[in-house]
């Protein structure tokens, strides 16, 4: 991608130089009411192109900053979700162990209850 960008920038600069060499006549630049000055058209074009490049660079920085902030927020949310998933997995394992323990308890309770009922019958 860098070679393509370099080629595009080179072509634009080359076109700017050729245009500037052919347009050297003076023109009037009016900034604000009452403020004006004369300069060659090529200088005006170079200044306008430079300002455009600076504004494009600032916009690129602004976009990157917004993307970085968004990415950081998403990463924080992912970490929070992963932490919550791990907590839920631990809870699930604990509940499964409790279920296994409870499943083995009724059999033991049934045996002890049968033992009690046979003891009660034998004592009668």
PDB file of N, CA and C in Angstrom:
ATOM      1  N   UNK A   1       0.822  -1.197   0.000  1.00  0.00           N
ATOM      2  CA  UNK A   1       0.000   0.000   0.000  1.00  0.00           C
ATOM      3  C   UNK A   1       0.866   1.261   0.000  1.00  0.00           C
ATOM      4  N   UNK A   2       2.029   1.188   0.663  1.00  0.00           N
ATOM      5  CA  UNK A   2       2.909   2.354   0.704  1.00  0.00           C
ATOM      6  C   UNK A   2       3.388   2.778  -0.685  1.00  0.00           C
ATOM      7  N   UNK A   3       3.755   1.826  -1.547  1.00  0.00           N
ATOM      8  CA  UNK A   3       4.182   2.265  -2.892  1.00  0.00           C
ATOM      9  C   UNK A   3       3.068   2.982  -3.647  1.00  0.00           C
ATOM     10  N   UNK A   4       1.850   2.542  -3.477  1.00  0.00           N
ATOM     11  CA  UNK A   4       0.721   3.191  -4.159  1.00  0.00           C
ATOM     12  C   UNK A   4       0.535   4.609  -3.608  1.00  0.00           C
ATOM     13  N   UNK A   5       0.605   4.748  -2.282  1.00  0.00           N
ATOM     14  CA  UNK A   5       0.479   6.079  -1.676  1.00  0.00           C
ATOM     15  C   UNK A   5       1.594   6.998  -2.160  1.00  0.00           C
ATOM     16  N   UNK A   6       2.821   6.469  -2.175  1.00  0.00           N
ATOM     17  CA  UNK A   6       3.949   7.278  -2.639  1.00  0.00           C
ATOM     18  C   UNK A   6       3.736   7.721  -4.084  1.00  0.00           C
ATOM     19  N   UNK A   7       3.285   6.803  -4.925  1.00  0.00           N
ATOM     20  CA  UNK A   7       3.060   7.123  -6.330  1.00  0.00           C
ATOM     21  C   UNK A   7       1.993   8.210  -6.477  1.00  0.00           C
ATOM     22  N   UNK A   8       0.916   8.095  -5.740  1.00  0.00           N
ATOM     23  CA  UNK A   8      -0.145   9.112  -5.811  1.00  0.00           C
ATOM     24  C   UNK A   8       0.359  10.473  -5.356  1.00  0.00           C
ATOM     25  N   UNK A   9       1.082  10.505  -4.251  1.00  0.00           N
ATOM     26  CA  UNK A   9       1.617  11.782  -3.752  1.00  0.00           C
ATOM     27  C   UNK A   9       2.609  12.367  -4.759  1.00  0.00           C
ATOM     28  N   UNK A  10       3.442  11.528  -5.313  1.00  0.00           N
ATOM     29  CA  UNK A  10       4.418  11.989  -6.313  1.00  0.00           C
ATOM     30  C   UNK A  10       3.716  12.588  -7.522  1.00  0.00           C
ATOM     31  N   UNK A  11       2.664  11.915  -8.013  1.00  0.00           N
ATOM     32  CA  UNK A  11       1.944  12.422  -9.182  1.00  0.00           C
ATOM     33  C   UNK A  11       1.254  13.755  -8.898  1.00  0.00           C
ATOM     34  N   UNK A  12       0.675  13.887  -7.716  1.00  0.00           N
ATOM     35  CA  UNK A  12       0.015  15.148  -7.359  1.00  0.00           C
ATOM     36  C   UNK A  12       1.050  16.266  -7.264  1.00  0.00           C
ATOM     37  N   UNK A  13       2.181  15.986  -6.625  1.00  0.00           N
ATOM     38  CA  UNK A  13       3.235  17.008  -6.520  1.00  0.00           C
ATOM     39  C   UNK A  13       3.795  17.376  -7.890  1.00  0.00           C
ATOM     40  N   UNK A  14       3.972  16.404  -8.753  1.00  0.00           N
ATOM     41  CA  UNK A  14       4.460  16.674 -10.100  1.00  0.00           C
ATOM     42  C   UNK A  14       3.473  17.557 -10.863  1.00  0.00           C
ATOM     43  N   UNK A  15       2.199  17.244 -10.774  1.00  0.00           N
ATOM     44  CA  UNK A  15       1.179  18.061 -11.433  1.00  0.00           C
ATOM     45  C   UNK A  15       1.163  19.477 -10.860  1.00  0.00           C
ATOM     46  N   UNK A  16       1.364  19.583  -9.544  1.00  0.00           N
ATOM     47  CA  UNK A  16       1.406  20.899  -8.896  1.00  0.00           C
ATOM     48  C   UNK A  16       2.591  21.720  -9.398  1.00  0.00           C
ATOM     49  N   UNK A  17       3.743  21.104  -9.533  1.00  0.00           N
ATOM     50  CA  UNK A  17       4.938  21.808 -10.027  1.00  0.00           C
ATOM     51  C   UNK A  17       4.731  22.257 -11.472  1.00  0.00           C
ATOM     52  N   UNK A  18       4.221  21.372 -12.311  1.00  0.00           N
ATOM     53  CA  UNK A  18       3.995  21.738 -13.724  1.00  0.00           C
ATOM     54  C   UNK A  18       2.981  22.871 -13.819  1.00  0.00           C
ATOM     55  N   UNK A  19       1.909  22.792 -13.051  1.00  0.00           N
ATOM     56  CA  UNK A  19       0.889  23.847 -13.063  1.00  0.00           C
ATOM     57  C   UNK A  19       1.488  25.168 -12.580  1.00  0.00           C
ATOM     58  N   UNK A  20       2.322  25.093 -11.512  1.00  0.00           N
ATOM     59  CA  UNK A  20       2.923  26.311 -10.947  1.00  0.00           C
ATOM     60  C   UNK A  20       3.869  26.976 -11.935  1.00  0.00           C
ATOM     61  N   UNK A  21       4.621  26.187 -12.668  1.00  0.00           N
ATOM     62  CA  UNK A  21       5.559  26.762 -13.643  1.00  0.00           C
ATOM     63  C   UNK A  21       4.843  27.463 -14.785  1.00  0.00           C
ATOM     64  N   UNK A  22       3.639  27.027 -15.114  1.00  0.00           N
ATOM     65  CA  UNK A  22       2.906  27.614 -16.230  1.00  0.00           C
ATOM     66  C   UNK A  22       2.020  28.776 -15.800  1.00  0.00           C
ATOM     67  N   UNK A  23       1.781  28.945 -14.485  1.00  0.00           N
ATOM     68  CA  UNK A  23       0.878  29.995 -14.004  1.00  0.00           C
ATOM     69  C   UNK A  23       1.610  30.894 -13.012  1.00  0.00           C
ATOM     70  N   UNK A  24       2.366  31.820 -13.553  1.00  0.00           N
ATOM     71  CA  UNK A  24       3.151  32.716 -12.703  1.00  0.00           C
ATOM     72  C   UNK A  24       2.557  34.123 -12.609  1.00  0.00           C
ATOM     73  N   UNK A  25       1.420  34.381 -13.252  1.00  0.00           N
ATOM     74  CA  UNK A  25       0.835  35.716 -13.223  1.00  0.00           C
ATOM     75  C   UNK A  25       0.318  36.032 -11.820  1.00  0.00           C
ATOM     76  N   UNK A  26       0.307  37.325 -11.506  1.00  0.00           N
ATOM     77  CA  UNK A  26      -0.130  37.784 -10.196  1.00  0.00           C
ATOM     78  C   UNK A  26      -1.653  37.728 -10.096  1.00  0.00           C
ATOM     79  N   UNK A  27      -2.121  37.336  -8.941  1.00  0.00           N
ATOM     80  CA  UNK A  27      -3.562  37.365  -8.650  1.00  0.00           C
ATOM     81  C   UNK A  27      -3.760  37.983  -7.277  1.00  0.00           C
ATOM     82  N   UNK A  28      -4.953  38.457  -7.044  1.00  0.00           N
ATOM     83  CA  UNK A  28      -5.270  39.095  -5.770  1.00  0.00           C
ATOM     84  C   UNK A  28      -5.959  38.082  -4.864  1.00  0.00           C
ATOM     85  N   UNK A  29      -5.487  37.999  -3.635  1.00  0.00           N
ATOM     86  CA  UNK A  29      -6.085  37.101  -2.639  1.00  0.00           C
ATOM     87  C   UNK A  29      -6.813  37.961  -1.615  1.00  0.00           C
ATOM     88  N   UNK A  30      -8.105  37.740  -1.455  1.00  0.00           N
ATOM     89  CA  UNK A  30      -8.892  38.477  -0.478  1.00  0.00           C
ATOM     90  C   UNK A  30      -9.225  37.522   0.669  1.00  0.00           C
ATOM     91  N   UNK A  31      -8.648  37.779   1.827  1.00  0.00           N
ATOM     92  CA  UNK A  31      -8.900  36.925   2.993  1.00  0.00           C
ATOM     93  C   UNK A  31     -10.166  37.359   3.725  1.00  0.00           C
ATOM     94  N   UNK A  32     -10.175  38.615   4.139  1.00  0.00           N
ATOM     95  CA  UNK A  32     -11.321  39.188   4.840  1.00  0.00           C
ATOM     96  C   UNK A  32     -11.564  40.560   4.222  1.00  0.00           C
ATOM     97  N   UNK A  33     -12.737  41.095   4.430  1.00  0.00           N
ATOM     98  CA  UNK A  33     -13.065  42.412   3.890  1.00  0.00           C
ATOM     99  C   UNK A  33     -11.973  43.410   4.277  1.00  0.00           C
ATOM    100  N   UNK A  34     -11.318  43.949   3.293  1.00  0.00           N
ATOM    101  CA  UNK A  34     -10.278  44.943   3.531  1.00  0.00           C
ATOM    102  C   UNK A  34      -8.875  44.354   3.592  1.00  0.00           C
ATOM    103  N   UNK A  35      -8.734  43.055   3.727  1.00  0.00           N
ATOM    104  CA  UNK A  35      -7.401  42.443   3.763  1.00  0.00           C
ATOM    105  C   UNK A  35      -7.205  41.651   2.485  1.00  0.00           C
ATOM    106  N   UNK A  36      -6.295  42.138   1.668  1.00  0.00           N
ATOM    107  CA  UNK A  36      -5.996  41.452   0.421  1.00  0.00           C
ATOM    108  C   UNK A  36      -4.543  41.698   0.051  1.00  0.00           C
ATOM    109  N   UNK A  37      -3.989  40.770  -0.718  1.00  0.00           N
ATOM    110  CA  UNK A  37      -2.614  40.916  -1.196  1.00  0.00           C
ATOM    111  C   UNK A  37      -2.476  40.185  -2.513  1.00  0.00           C
ATOM    112  N   UNK A  38      -1.412  40.570  -3.223  1.00  0.00           N
ATOM    113  CA  UNK A  38      -1.163  39.971  -4.529  1.00  0.00           C
ATOM    114  C   UNK A  38      -0.013  38.984  -4.421  1.00  0.00           C
ATOM    115  N   UNK A  39      -0.193  37.843  -5.117  1.00  0.00           N
ATOM    116  CA  UNK A  39       0.861  36.818  -5.153  1.00  0.00           C
ATOM    117  C   UNK A  39       0.664  36.016  -6.433  1.00  0.00           C
ATOM    118  N   UNK A  40       1.712  35.372  -6.886  1.00  0.00           N
ATOM    119  CA  UNK A  40       1.567  34.524  -8.072  1.00  0.00           C
ATOM    120  C   UNK A  40       0.574  33.383  -7.800  1.00  0.00           C
ATOM    121  N   UNK A  41      -0.129  33.006  -8.832  1.00  0.00           N
ATOM    122  CA  UNK A  41      -1.122  31.937  -8.714  1.00  0.00           C
ATOM    123  C   UNK A  41      -0.488  30.645  -8.211  1.00  0.00           C
ATOM    124  N   UNK A  42       0.749  30.390  -8.606  1.00  0.00           N
ATOM    125  CA  UNK A  42       1.428  29.157  -8.180  1.00  0.00           C
ATOM    126  C   UNK A  42       1.640  29.140  -6.668  1.00  0.00           C
ATOM    127  N   UNK A  43       1.957  30.295  -6.072  1.00  0.00           N
ATOM    128  CA  UNK A  43       2.142  30.363  -4.608  1.00  0.00           C
ATOM    129  C   UNK A  43       0.818  30.096  -3.908  1.00  0.00           C
ATOM    130  N   UNK A  44      -0.232  30.683  -4.440  1.00  0.00           N
ATOM    131  CA  UNK A  44      -1.553  30.451  -3.855  1.00  0.00           C
ATOM    132  C   UNK A  44      -1.922  28.970  -3.899  1.00  0.00           C
ATOM    133  N   UNK A  45      -1.622  28.360  -5.011  1.00  0.00           N
ATOM    134  CA  UNK A  45      -1.937  26.938  -5.172  1.00  0.00           C
ATOM    135  C   UNK A  45      -1.131  26.072  -4.196  1.00  0.00           C
ATOM    136  N   UNK A  46       0.150  26.393  -4.044  1.00  0.00           N
ATOM    137  CA  UNK A  46       0.999  25.633  -3.111  1.00  0.00           C
ATOM    138  C   UNK A  46       0.490  25.808  -1.675  1.00  0.00           C
ATOM    139  N   UNK A  47       0.123  27.023  -1.315  1.00  0.00           N
ATOM    140  CA  UNK A  47      -0.405  27.279   0.037  1.00  0.00           C
ATOM    141  C   UNK A  47      -1.709  26.518   0.248  1.00  0.00           C
ATOM    142  N   UNK A  48      -2.595  26.577  -0.739  1.00  0.00           N
ATOM    143  CA  UNK A  48      -3.877  25.870  -0.612  1.00  0.00           C
ATOM    144  C   UNK A  48      -3.669  24.362  -0.518  1.00  0.00           C
ATOM    145  N   UNK A  49      -2.749  23.834  -1.323  1.00  0.00           N
ATOM    146  CA  UNK A  49      -2.459  22.395  -1.274  1.00  0.00           C
ATOM    147  C   UNK A  49      -1.857  22.011   0.070  1.00  0.00           C
ATOM    148  N   UNK A  50      -0.949  22.839   0.571  1.00  0.00           N
ATOM    149  CA  UNK A  50      -0.343  22.574   1.883  1.00  0.00           C
ATOM    150  C   UNK A  50      -1.369  22.577   2.994  1.00  0.00           C
ATOM    151  N   UNK A  51      -2.274  23.562   2.973  1.00  0.00           N
ATOM    152  CA  UNK A  51      -3.340  23.595   3.987  1.00  0.00           C
ATOM    153  C   UNK A  51      -4.248  22.368   3.877  1.00  0.00           C
ATOM    154  N   UNK A  52      -4.539  21.976   2.651  1.00  0.00           N
ATOM    155  CA  UNK A  52      -5.368  20.776   2.459  1.00  0.00           C
ATOM    156  C   UNK A  52      -4.684  19.529   3.005  1.00  0.00           C
ATOM    157  N   UNK A  53      -3.371  19.414   2.778  1.00  0.00           N
ATOM    158  CA  UNK A  53      -2.620  18.259   3.282  1.00  0.00           C
ATOM    159  C   UNK A  53      -2.597  18.257   4.806  1.00  0.00           C
ATOM    160  N   UNK A  54      -2.403  19.435   5.406  1.00  0.00           N
ATOM    161  CA  UNK A  54      -2.395  19.526   6.874  1.00  0.00           C
ATOM    162  C   UNK A  54      -3.756  19.157   7.443  1.00  0.00           C
ATOM    163  N   UNK A  55      -4.836  19.652   6.823  1.00  0.00           N
ATOM    164  CA  UNK A  55      -6.178  19.313   7.292  1.00  0.00           C
ATOM    165  C   UNK A  55      -6.464  17.814   7.138  1.00  0.00           C
ATOM    166  N   UNK A  56      -6.009  17.210   6.045  1.00  0.00           N
ATOM    167  CA  UNK A  56      -6.199  15.769   5.855  1.00  0.00           C
ATOM    168  C   UNK A  56      -5.439  14.987   6.919  1.00  0.00           C
ATOM    169  N   UNK A  57      -4.223  15.426   7.252  1.00  0.00           N
ATOM    170  CA  UNK A  57      -3.423  14.764   8.278  1.00  0.00           C
ATOM    171  C   UNK A  57      -4.106  14.878   9.641  1.00  0.00           C
ATOM    172  N   UNK A  58      -4.615  16.082   9.969  1.00  0.00           N
ATOM    173  CA  UNK A  58      -5.319  16.262  11.240  1.00  0.00           C
ATOM    174  C   UNK A  58      -6.577  15.393  11.312  1.00  0.00           C
ATOM    175  N   UNK A  59      -7.307  15.295  10.208  1.00  0.00           N
ATOM    176  CA  UNK A  59      -8.490  14.438  10.171  1.00  0.00           C
ATOM    177  C   UNK A  59      -8.103  12.981  10.379  1.00  0.00           C
ATOM    178  N   UNK A  60      -6.988  12.562   9.766  1.00  0.00           N
ATOM    179  CA  UNK A  60      -6.507  11.191   9.940  1.00  0.00           C
ATOM    180  C   UNK A  60      -6.164  10.926  11.410  1.00  0.00           C
ATOM    181  N   UNK A  61      -5.469  11.871  12.046  1.00  0.00           N
ATOM    182  CA  UNK A  61      -5.149  11.714  13.474  1.00  0.00           C
ATOM    183  C   UNK A  61      -6.414  11.615  14.322  1.00  0.00           C
ATOM    184  N   UNK A  62      -7.375  12.467  14.024  1.00  0.00           N
ATOM    185  CA  UNK A  62      -8.645  12.466  14.767  1.00  0.00           C
ATOM    186  C   UNK A  62      -9.356  11.121  14.595  1.00  0.00           C
ATOM    187  N   UNK A  63      -9.393  10.599  13.387  1.00  0.00           N
ATOM    188  CA  UNK A  63     -10.040   9.309  13.126  1.00  0.00           C
ATOM    189  C   UNK A  63      -9.332   8.181  13.862  1.00  0.00           C
ATOM    190  N   UNK A  64      -8.000   8.197  13.845  1.00  0.00           N
ATOM    191  CA  UNK A  64      -7.233   7.169  14.556  1.00  0.00           C
ATOM    192  C   UNK A  64      -7.503   7.216  16.046  1.00  0.00           C
ATOM    193  N   UNK A  65      -7.542   8.436  16.592  1.00  0.00           N
ATOM    194  CA  UNK A  65      -7.792   8.590  18.022  1.00  0.00           C
ATOM    195  C   UNK A  65      -9.173   8.037  18.385  1.00  0.00           C
ATOM    196  N   UNK A  66     -10.177   8.336  17.586  1.00  0.00           N
ATOM    197  CA  UNK A  66     -11.518   7.819  17.842  1.00  0.00           C
ATOM    198  C   UNK A  66     -11.541   6.298  17.747  1.00  0.00           C
ATOM    199  N   UNK A  67     -10.858   5.746  16.749  1.00  0.00           N
ATOM    200  CA  UNK A  67     -10.794   4.294  16.579  1.00  0.00           C
ATOM    201  C   UNK A  67     -10.094   3.639  17.776  1.00  0.00           C
ATOM    202  N   UNK A  68      -9.015   4.270  18.260  1.00  0.00           N
ATOM    203  CA  UNK A  68      -8.282   3.744  19.409  1.00  0.00           C
ATOM    204  C   UNK A  68      -9.150   3.754  20.653  1.00  0.00           C
ATOM    205  N   UNK A  69      -9.873   4.830  20.873  1.00  0.00           N
ATOM    206  CA  UNK A  69     -10.754   4.923  22.037  1.00  0.00           C
ATOM    207  C   UNK A  69     -11.835   3.855  21.950  1.00  0.00           C
ATOM    208  N   UNK A  70     -12.409   3.674  20.774  1.00  0.00           N
ATOM    209  CA  UNK A  70     -13.439   2.649  20.591  1.00  0.00           C
ATOM    210  C   UNK A  70     -12.868   1.257  20.839  1.00  0.00           C
ATOM    211  N   UNK A  71     -11.678   0.999  20.312  1.00  0.00           N
ATOM    212  CA  UNK A  71     -11.041  -0.305  20.484  1.00  0.00           C
ATOM    213  C   UNK A  71     -10.736  -0.577  21.947  1.00  0.00           C
ATOM    214  N   UNK A  72     -10.243   0.438  22.663  1.00  0.00           N
ATOM    215  CA  UNK A  72      -9.950   0.260  24.083  1.00  0.00           C
ATOM    216  C   UNK A  72     -11.222  -0.071  24.864  1.00  0.00           C
ATOM    217  N   UNK A  73     -12.313   0.614  24.530  1.00  0.00           N
ATOM    218  CA  UNK A  73     -13.589   0.320  25.193  1.00  0.00           C
ATOM    219  C   UNK A  73     -14.058  -1.101  24.910  1.00  0.00           C
ATOM    220  N   UNK A  74     -13.907  -1.532  23.657  1.00  0.00           N
ATOM    221  CA  UNK A  74     -14.306  -2.897  23.302  1.00  0.00           C
ATOM    222  C   UNK A  74     -13.433  -3.927  24.007  1.00  0.00           C
ATOM    223  N   UNK A  75     -12.128  -3.653  24.093  1.00  0.00           N
ATOM    224  CA  UNK A  75     -11.224  -4.580  24.782  1.00  0.00           C
ATOM    225  C   UNK A  75     -11.572  -4.682  26.267  1.00  0.00           C
ATOM    226  N   UNK A  76     -11.905  -3.556  26.877  1.00  0.00           N
ATOM    227  CA  UNK A  76     -12.309  -3.559  28.286  1.00  0.00           C
ATOM    228  C   UNK A  76     -13.574  -4.387  28.467  1.00  0.00           C
ATOM    229  N   UNK A  77     -14.514  -4.216  27.557  1.00  0.00           N
ATOM    230  CA  UNK A  77     -15.761  -4.978  27.629  1.00  0.00           C
ATOM    231  C   UNK A  77     -15.503  -6.475  27.432  1.00  0.00           C
ATOM    232  N   UNK A  78     -14.611  -6.824  26.517  1.00  0.00           N
ATOM    233  CA  UNK A  78     -14.278  -8.234  26.283  1.00  0.00           C
ATOM    234  C   UNK A  78     -13.627  -8.829  27.524  1.00  0.00           C
ATOM    235  N   UNK A  79     -12.698  -8.088  28.153  1.00  0.00           N
ATOM    236  CA  UNK A  79     -12.062  -8.587  29.372  1.00  0.00           C
ATOM    237  C   UNK A  79     -13.089  -8.799  30.472  1.00  0.00           C
ATOM    238  N   UNK A  80     -14.024  -7.863  30.612  1.00  0.00           N
ATOM    239  CA  UNK A  80     -15.069  -7.995  31.628  1.00  0.00           C
ATOM    240  C   UNK A  80     -15.935  -9.218  31.348  1.00  0.00           C
ATOM    241  N   UNK A  81     -16.297  -9.424  30.094  1.00  0.00           N
ATOM    242  CA  UNK A  81     -17.118 -10.581  29.741  1.00  0.00           C
ATOM    243  C   UNK A  81     -16.367 -11.892  29.974  1.00  0.00           C
ATOM    244  N   UNK A  82     -15.070 -11.920  29.607  1.00  0.00           N
ATOM    245  CA  UNK A  82     -14.280 -13.132  29.831  1.00  0.00           C
ATOM    246  C   UNK A  82     -14.173 -13.447  31.321  1.00  0.00           C
ATOM    247  N   UNK A  83     -13.994 -12.419  32.132  1.00  0.00           N
ATOM    248  CA  UNK A  83     -13.939 -12.614  33.581  1.00  0.00           C
ATOM    249  C   UNK A  83     -15.260 -13.172  34.091  1.00  0.00           C
ATOM    250  N   UNK A  84     -16.355 -12.618  33.606  1.00  0.00           N
ATOM    251  CA  UNK A  84     -17.685 -13.095  34.024  1.00  0.00           C
ATOM    252  C   UNK A  84     -17.905 -14.542  33.560  1.00  0.00           C
ATOM    253  N   UNK A  85     -17.444 -14.888  32.370  1.00  0.00           N
ATOM    254  CA  UNK A  85     -17.578 -16.254  31.856  1.00  0.00           C
ATOM    255  C   UNK A  85     -16.815 -17.222  32.753  1.00  0.00           C
ATOM    256  N   UNK A  86     -15.600 -16.845  33.155  1.00  0.00           N
ATOM    257  CA  UNK A  86     -14.810 -17.709  34.031  1.00  0.00           C
ATOM    258  C   UNK A  86     -15.509 -17.902  35.374  1.00  0.00           C
ATOM    259  N   UNK A  87     -16.081 -16.812  35.914  1.00  0.00           N
ATOM    260  CA  UNK A  87     -16.817 -16.925  37.175  1.00  0.00           C
ATOM    261  C   UNK A  87     -17.999 -17.872  37.024  1.00  0.00           C
ATOM    262  N   UNK A  88     -18.732 -17.757  35.925  1.00  0.00           N
ATOM    263  CA  UNK A  88     -19.890 -18.618  35.700  1.00  0.00           C
ATOM    264  C   UNK A  88     -19.463 -20.073  35.493  1.00  0.00           C
ATOM    265  N   UNK A  89     -18.331 -20.288  34.829  1.00  0.00           N
ATOM    266  CA  UNK A  89     -17.837 -21.652  34.656  1.00  0.00           C
ATOM    267  C   UNK A  89     -17.466 -22.269  35.997  1.00  0.00           C
ATOM    268  N   UNK A  90     -16.836 -21.479  36.876  1.00  0.00           N
ATOM    269  CA  UNK A  90     -16.518 -21.978  38.220  1.00  0.00           C
ATOM    270  C   UNK A  90     -17.791 -22.318  38.992  1.00  0.00           C
ATOM    271  N   UNK A  91     -18.785 -21.437  38.894  1.00  0.00           N
ATOM    272  CA  UNK A  91     -20.063 -21.703  39.558  1.00  0.00           C
ATOM    273  C   UNK A  91     -20.696 -22.979  39.027  1.00  0.00           C
ATOM    274  N   UNK A  92     -20.636 -23.157  37.710  1.00  0.00           N
ATOM    275  CA  UNK A  92     -21.226 -24.347  37.102  1.00  0.00           C
ATOM    276  C   UNK A  92     -20.511 -25.610  37.594  1.00  0.00           C
ATOM    277  N   UNK A  93     -19.186 -25.575  37.676  1.00  0.00           N
ATOM    278  CA  UNK A  93     -18.440 -26.727  38.179  1.00  0.00           C
ATOM    279  C   UNK A  93     -18.812 -27.016  39.629  1.00  0.00           C
ATOM    280  N   UNK A  94     -18.942 -25.960  40.422  1.00  0.00           N
ATOM    281  CA  UNK A  94     -19.315 -26.139  41.831  1.00  0.00           C
ATOM    282  C   UNK A  94     -20.713 -26.746  41.942  1.00  0.00           C
ATOM    283  N   UNK A  95     -21.651 -26.265  41.122  1.00  0.00           N
ATOM    284  CA  UNK A  95     -23.010 -26.812  41.147  1.00  0.00           C
ATOM    285  C   UNK A  95     -23.036 -28.264  40.692  1.00  0.00           C
ATOM    286  N   UNK A  96     -22.214 -28.594  39.698  1.00  0.00           N
ATOM    287  CA  UNK A  96     -22.148 -29.983  39.249  1.00  0.00           C
ATOM    288  C   UNK A  96     -21.617 -30.890  40.357  1.00  0.00           C
ATOM    289  N   UNK A  97     -20.600 -30.416  41.089  1.00  0.00           N
ATOM    290  CA  UNK A  97     -20.080 -31.195  42.208  1.00  0.00           C
ATOM    291  C   UNK A  97     -21.148 -31.377  43.282  1.00  0.00           C
ATOM    292  N   UNK A  98     -21.904 -30.304  43.550  1.00  0.00           N
ATOM    293  CA  UNK A  98     -22.987 -30.408  44.538  1.00  0.00           C
ATOM    294  C   UNK A  98     -24.033 -31.423  44.084  1.00  0.00           C
ATOM    295  N   UNK A  99     -24.362 -31.402  42.793  1.00  0.00           N
ATOM    296  CA  UNK A  99     -25.344 -32.359  42.277  1.00  0.00           C
ATOM    297  C   UNK A  99     -24.840 -33.790  42.407  1.00  0.00           C
ATOM    298  N   UNK A 100     -23.572 -33.994  42.130  1.00  0.00           N
ATOM    299  CA  UNK A 100     -23.004 -35.338  42.260  1.00  0.00           C
ATOM    300  C   UNK A 100     -23.049 -35.777  43.716  1.00  0.00           C
ATOM    301  N   UNK A 101     -22.702 -34.854  44.617  1.00  0.00           N
ATOM    302  CA  UNK A 101     -22.753 -35.191  46.040  1.00  0.00           C
ATOM    303  C   UNK A 101     -24.179 -35.474  46.484  1.00  0.00           C
ATOM    304  N   UNK A 102     -25.116 -34.686  46.046  1.00  0.00           N
ATOM    305  CA  UNK A 102     -26.523 -34.900  46.415  1.00  0.00           C
ATOM    306  C   UNK A 102     -27.062 -36.189  45.816  1.00  0.00           C
ATOM    307  N   UNK A 103     -26.593 -36.527  44.617  1.00  0.00           N
ATOM    308  CA  UNK A 103     -27.047 -37.765  43.980  1.00  0.00           C
ATOM    309  C   UNK A 103     -26.567 -38.969  44.783  1.00  0.00           C
ATOM    310  N   UNK A 104     -25.389 -38.882  45.376  1.00  0.00           N
ATOM    311  CA  UNK A 104     -24.890 -40.001  46.170  1.00  0.00           C
ATOM    312  C   UNK A 104     -25.498 -40.008  47.568  1.00  0.00           C
ATOM    313  N   UNK A 105     -25.965 -38.885  48.074  1.00  0.00           N
ATOM    314  CA  UNK A 105     -26.567 -38.820  49.413  1.00  0.00           C
ATOM    315  C   UNK A 105     -27.882 -39.582  49.519  1.00  0.00           C
ATOM    316  N   UNK A 106     -28.817 -39.455  48.625  1.00  0.00           N
ATOM    317  CA  UNK A 106     -30.086 -40.164  48.791  1.00  0.00           C
ATOM    318  C   UNK A 106     -29.901 -41.676  48.882  1.00  0.00           C
ATOM    319  N   UNK A 107     -28.971 -42.217  48.162  1.00  0.00           N
ATOM    320  CA  UNK A 107     -28.738 -43.666  48.236  1.00  0.00           C
ATOM    321  C   UNK A 107     -28.272 -44.025  49.628  1.00  0.00           C
ATOM    322  N   UNK A 108     -27.392 -43.244  50.211  1.00  0.00           N
ATOM    323  CA  UNK A 108     -26.919 -43.508  51.567  1.00  0.00           C
ATOM    324  C   UNK A 108     -28.037 -43.306  52.565  1.00  0.00           C
ATOM    325  N   UNK A 109     -28.850 -42.266  52.364  1.00  0.00           N
ATOM    326  CA  UNK A 109     -29.970 -42.025  53.269  1.00  0.00           C
ATOM    327  C   UNK A 109     -30.982 -43.155  53.175  1.00  0.00           C
ATOM    328  N   UNK A 110     -31.221 -43.660  51.971  1.00  0.00           N
ATOM    329  CA  UNK A 110     -32.176 -44.751  51.798  1.00  0.00           C
ATOM    330  C   UNK A 110     -31.681 -45.990  52.531  1.00  0.00           C
ATOM    331  N   UNK A 111     -30.395 -46.257  52.440  1.00  0.00           N
ATOM    332  CA  UNK A 111     -29.843 -47.414  53.136  1.00  0.00           C
ATOM    333  C   UNK A 111     -29.970 -47.251  54.638  1.00  0.00           C
ATOM    334  N   UNK A 112     -29.694 -46.062  55.134  1.00  0.00           N
ATOM    335  CA  UNK A 112     -29.801 -45.864  56.578  1.00  0.00           C
ATOM    336  C   UNK A 112     -31.253 -45.911  57.015  1.00  0.00           C
ATOM    337  N   UNK A 113     -32.157 -45.417  56.176  1.00  0.00           N
ATOM    338  CA  UNK A 113     -33.572 -45.498  56.515  1.00  0.00           C
ATOM    339  C   UNK A 113     -34.044 -46.942  56.489  1.00  0.00           C
ATOM    340  N   UNK A 114     -33.587 -47.755  55.530  1.00  0.00           N
ATOM    341  CA  UNK A 114     -33.979 -49.169  55.483  1.00  0.00           C
ATOM    342  C   UNK A 114     -33.413 -49.890  56.696  1.00  0.00           C
ATOM    343  N   UNK A 115     -32.201 -49.501  57.076  1.00  0.00           N
ATOM    344  CA  UNK A 115     -31.615 -50.114  58.263  1.00  0.00           C
ATOM    345  C   UNK A 115     -32.424 -49.772  59.494  1.00  0.00           C
ATOM    346  N   UNK A 116     -32.926 -48.566  59.594  1.00  0.00           N
ATOM    347  CA  UNK A 116     -33.733 -48.144  60.733  1.00  0.00           C
ATOM    348  C   UNK A 116     -35.081 -48.876  60.734  1.00  0.00           C
ATOM    349  N   UNK A 117     -35.657 -49.012  59.529  1.00  0.00           N
ATOM    350  CA  UNK A 117     -36.962 -49.699  59.474  1.00  0.00           C
ATOM    351  C   UNK A 117     -36.800 -51.164  59.807  1.00  0.00           C
ATOM    352  N   UNK A 118     -35.714 -51.832  59.415  1.00  0.00           N
ATOM    353  CA  UNK A 118     -35.526 -53.238  59.775  1.00  0.00           C
ATOM    354  C   UNK A 118     -35.221 -53.365  61.246  1.00  0.00           C
ATOM    355  N   UNK A 119     -34.537 -52.388  61.814  1.00  0.00           N
ATOM    356  CA  UNK A 119     -34.298 -52.431  63.248  1.00  0.00           C
ATOM    357  C   UNK A 119     -35.606 -52.274  63.998  1.00  0.00           C
ATOM    358  N   UNK A 120     -36.465 -51.407  63.503  1.00  0.00           N
ATOM    359  CA  UNK A 120     -37.762 -51.183  64.166  1.00  0.00           C
ATOM    360  C   UNK A 120     -38.617 -52.426  64.051  1.00  0.00           C
ATOM    361  N   UNK A 121     -38.544 -53.113  62.928  1.00  0.00           N
ATOM    362  CA  UNK A 121     -39.349 -54.316  62.744  1.00  0.00           C
ATOM    363  C   UNK A 121     -38.817 -55.451  63.641  1.00  0.00           C
ATOM    364  N   UNK A 122     -37.546 -55.551  63.773  1.00  0.00           N
ATOM    365  CA  UNK A 122     -36.979 -56.611  64.594  1.00  0.00           C
ATOM    366  C   UNK A 122     -37.217 -56.353  66.063  1.00  0.00           C
ATOM    367  N   UNK A 123     -37.303 -55.135  66.465  1.00  0.00           N
ATOM    368  CA  UNK A 123     -37.556 -54.848  67.868  1.00  0.00           C
ATOM    369  C   UNK A 123     -39.005 -55.080  68.207  1.00  0.00           C
ATOM    370  N   UNK A 124     -39.889 -55.135  67.276  1.00  0.00           N
ATOM    371  CA  UNK A 124     -41.308 -55.346  67.536  1.00  0.00           C
ATOM    372  C   UNK A 124     -41.473 -56.765  67.796  1.00  0.00           C
TER     373      UNK A 124
END
